Protein backbone atom coordinates (compact mmCIF):
# COMPACT_ATOMS: atom_id res chain seq x y z
CA MET A 1 -0.06 -0.06 0.02
CA GLU A 2 2.92 2.43 0.87
CA ALA A 3 4.48 1.85 -2.45
CA LEU A 4 1.12 2.49 -4.13
CA ALA A 5 0.75 5.70 -2.19
CA ARG A 6 4.17 6.87 -3.05
CA VAL A 7 3.74 6.24 -6.87
CA ALA A 8 0.36 7.93 -6.99
CA GLN A 9 1.56 10.94 -5.01
CA GLY A 10 5.10 11.33 -6.37
CA ARG A 11 6.44 14.10 -8.37
CA SER A 12 6.56 12.22 -11.54
CA ALA A 13 2.77 11.09 -11.11
CA ALA A 14 1.89 14.83 -10.33
CA ALA A 15 3.77 16.02 -13.46
CA ARG A 16 2.11 13.31 -15.65
CA ARG A 17 -1.30 14.52 -14.25
CA ALA A 18 -0.62 18.23 -14.89
CA ALA A 19 0.72 17.56 -18.37
CA ARG A 20 -2.07 15.33 -19.43
CA ALA A 21 -4.63 18.08 -17.81
CA GLY A 22 -2.81 20.95 -19.73
CA LEU A 23 -2.23 22.66 -16.14
CA PRO A 24 1.09 24.04 -14.81
CA LEU A 25 0.55 22.81 -11.24
CA THR A 26 3.06 21.30 -8.99
CA GLY A 27 1.91 18.12 -6.95
CA ALA A 28 1.53 20.20 -3.78
CA ALA A 29 -0.63 22.82 -5.69
CA GLN A 30 -2.72 19.92 -6.99
CA GLN A 31 -3.10 18.59 -3.61
CA VAL A 32 -3.92 22.10 -2.08
CA LEU A 33 -6.55 22.63 -5.00
CA ARG A 34 -8.22 19.30 -4.40
CA ARG A 35 -8.76 19.97 -0.67
CA VAL A 36 -10.05 23.53 -1.22
CA ILE A 37 -12.56 22.03 -3.76
CA GLU A 38 -13.57 19.39 -1.20
CA ASN A 39 -13.67 21.41 1.84
CA ALA A 40 -14.49 25.13 0.84
CA PRO A 41 -14.58 27.45 2.42
CA VAL A 42 -11.54 26.53 4.41
CA ARG A 43 -9.09 28.35 6.42
CA ILE A 44 -5.42 28.21 5.61
CA SER A 45 -4.63 26.45 9.01
CA ASP A 46 -7.34 23.76 8.39
CA LEU A 47 -6.21 23.35 4.80
CA ALA A 48 -2.43 22.94 6.03
CA ARG A 49 -3.60 20.15 8.41
CA HIS A 50 -5.61 18.40 5.41
CA VAL A 51 -2.59 18.37 3.31
CA HIS A 52 -0.11 17.73 6.15
CA MET A 53 1.85 20.91 5.27
CA GLY A 54 2.97 24.09 7.31
CA ASP A 55 0.61 27.18 7.09
CA ALA A 56 3.37 29.14 5.26
CA ALA A 57 3.86 26.52 2.66
CA VAL A 58 0.04 26.06 2.10
CA SER A 59 -0.17 29.87 1.83
CA ARG A 60 2.40 30.02 -0.81
CA GLN A 61 0.42 27.34 -2.75
CA VAL A 62 -2.75 29.38 -2.30
CA THR A 63 -1.03 32.46 -3.54
CA ALA A 64 0.19 30.57 -6.65
CA LEU A 65 -3.21 29.11 -7.27
CA GLU A 66 -4.73 32.66 -6.82
CA GLU A 67 -2.44 34.04 -9.37
CA GLN A 68 -3.78 31.35 -11.89
CA GLY A 69 -7.22 32.34 -10.95
CA LEU A 70 -8.20 29.00 -9.40
CA VAL A 71 -8.95 30.03 -6.11
CA VAL A 72 -10.02 33.24 -4.11
CA ARG A 73 -9.18 34.42 -0.66
CA ALA A 74 -11.72 36.42 1.32
CA PRO A 75 -12.15 37.47 4.80
CA SER A 76 -14.49 35.27 6.92
CA SER A 77 -17.92 36.34 7.66
CA ARG A 78 -17.39 35.34 11.25
CA ASP A 79 -14.09 36.99 11.98
CA GLY A 80 -12.69 39.19 9.44
CA ARG A 81 -9.06 38.67 10.56
CA VAL A 82 -9.32 34.99 9.23
CA ALA A 83 -8.98 34.37 5.40
CA MET A 84 -11.19 31.72 3.72
CA VAL A 85 -10.14 30.05 0.55
CA ARG A 86 -12.61 29.05 -2.07
CA PRO A 87 -12.29 27.53 -5.59
CA THR A 88 -13.29 29.69 -8.64
CA PRO A 89 -15.30 28.21 -11.25
CA LEU A 90 -12.01 27.86 -13.28
CA GLY A 91 -10.44 26.22 -10.33
CA ARG A 92 -13.32 23.53 -10.19
CA GLY A 93 -12.92 23.04 -13.90
CA ALA A 94 -9.08 22.42 -13.26
CA GLY A 95 -10.04 19.91 -10.45
CA ARG A 96 -12.02 17.93 -12.84
CA ARG A 97 -9.31 17.94 -15.54
CA LEU A 98 -6.92 16.67 -12.94
CA ARG A 99 -9.43 13.90 -11.92
CA ARG A 100 -10.03 12.96 -15.53
CA ALA A 101 -6.17 12.87 -16.22
CA ALA A 102 -5.63 10.77 -13.18
CA ASP A 103 -8.31 8.27 -14.23
CA GLY A 104 -7.01 8.27 -17.82
CA ILE A 105 -3.50 7.35 -16.54
CA PHE A 106 -4.88 4.46 -14.38
CA GLU A 107 -7.08 3.15 -17.36
CA GLU A 108 -3.80 2.93 -19.46
CA HIS A 109 -2.07 0.97 -16.72
CA LEU A 110 -5.09 -1.40 -16.39
CA ALA A 111 -5.91 -1.69 -20.12
CA ASP A 112 -4.52 -5.23 -20.35
CA TRP A 113 -6.01 -6.54 -17.12
CA SER A 114 -8.81 -9.07 -17.52
CA SER A 115 -12.30 -8.20 -16.72
CA ARG A 116 -12.29 -10.58 -13.88
CA ASP A 117 -9.27 -9.08 -12.25
CA LEU A 118 -10.61 -5.55 -12.73
CA ALA A 119 -13.97 -6.56 -11.15
CA ARG A 120 -11.95 -8.22 -8.32
CA LEU A 121 -9.86 -5.04 -7.94
CA THR A 122 -12.94 -2.82 -7.83
CA ARG A 123 -14.64 -4.90 -5.23
CA LEU A 124 -11.64 -4.95 -2.87
CA MET A 125 -10.90 -1.31 -3.26
CA GLU A 126 -14.51 -0.26 -2.63
CA ARG A 127 -14.42 -2.43 0.48
CA LEU A 128 -11.27 -0.90 1.74
CA ALA A 129 -12.63 2.46 1.23
CA ARG A 130 -15.68 1.66 3.09
CA ASP A 131 -13.77 0.22 5.98
CA LEU A 132 -11.45 3.32 6.07
CA ARG A 133 -14.60 5.58 6.18
CA SER A 134 -16.28 3.75 8.77
CA GLY A 135 -13.32 3.20 11.02
CA ARG A 136 -14.07 -0.52 11.09
CA ARG A 137 -11.10 -2.91 11.98
CA GLY A 138 -11.38 -6.50 11.10
CA CYS A 139 -13.14 -9.16 13.08
CA GLY A 140 -10.71 -9.61 15.91
CA ARG A 141 -8.37 -11.53 13.64
CA LYS A 142 -4.79 -10.24 13.70
CA GLN A 143 -3.30 -9.70 10.31
CA THR A 144 0.19 -8.99 9.39
CA TRP A 145 1.08 -6.20 6.94
CA PRO A 146 2.37 -6.52 4.54
CA PRO A 147 1.37 -9.98 3.99
CA ARG A 148 4.01 -12.65 3.80
C-alpha cells in the first residue's frame, strides 16, 4: 500500500497529471486545490492540516493558485481577521481536468488486465474505502502487514 501511495503521490505522477490536464501545477498545488474544492470555504490552517503541510507552505500554494485564477481568498464572515479560501469556477474545472487525467492514467495501466481482475480489484478497493471511512477494524483476527 505504501508503494502505491508513493507512486500515486510522487512528483512524476503529479507531473504526468498536470501535463495530461494541460495545467502548470506542482503536486503540492494539485493537492491544495483538491482539498480547497472538497472543503471550501476553508481556512489556511485547516487546509494545512488536511494536506500535512505548514501554514506558510500552504499559503504560498494558495497564492500561486490565486495568481492562476483557480482560488480566491476572502475574509471570513465570522471573523474578518481570518481568510477563507474557495475555488473559482476555473479552479473547479481544473480539479475536474486533473481527476480525468488521473483516471486516464489508471485506465492506461489497467488496459491489459482481465475483466475478472478489474472486477475483483474494484470490489476490494470499494471494501477498503468503506472500511476506512467507517473506522471498521477487522473481526478480531490479527493480520500482518504487509502479507508474507
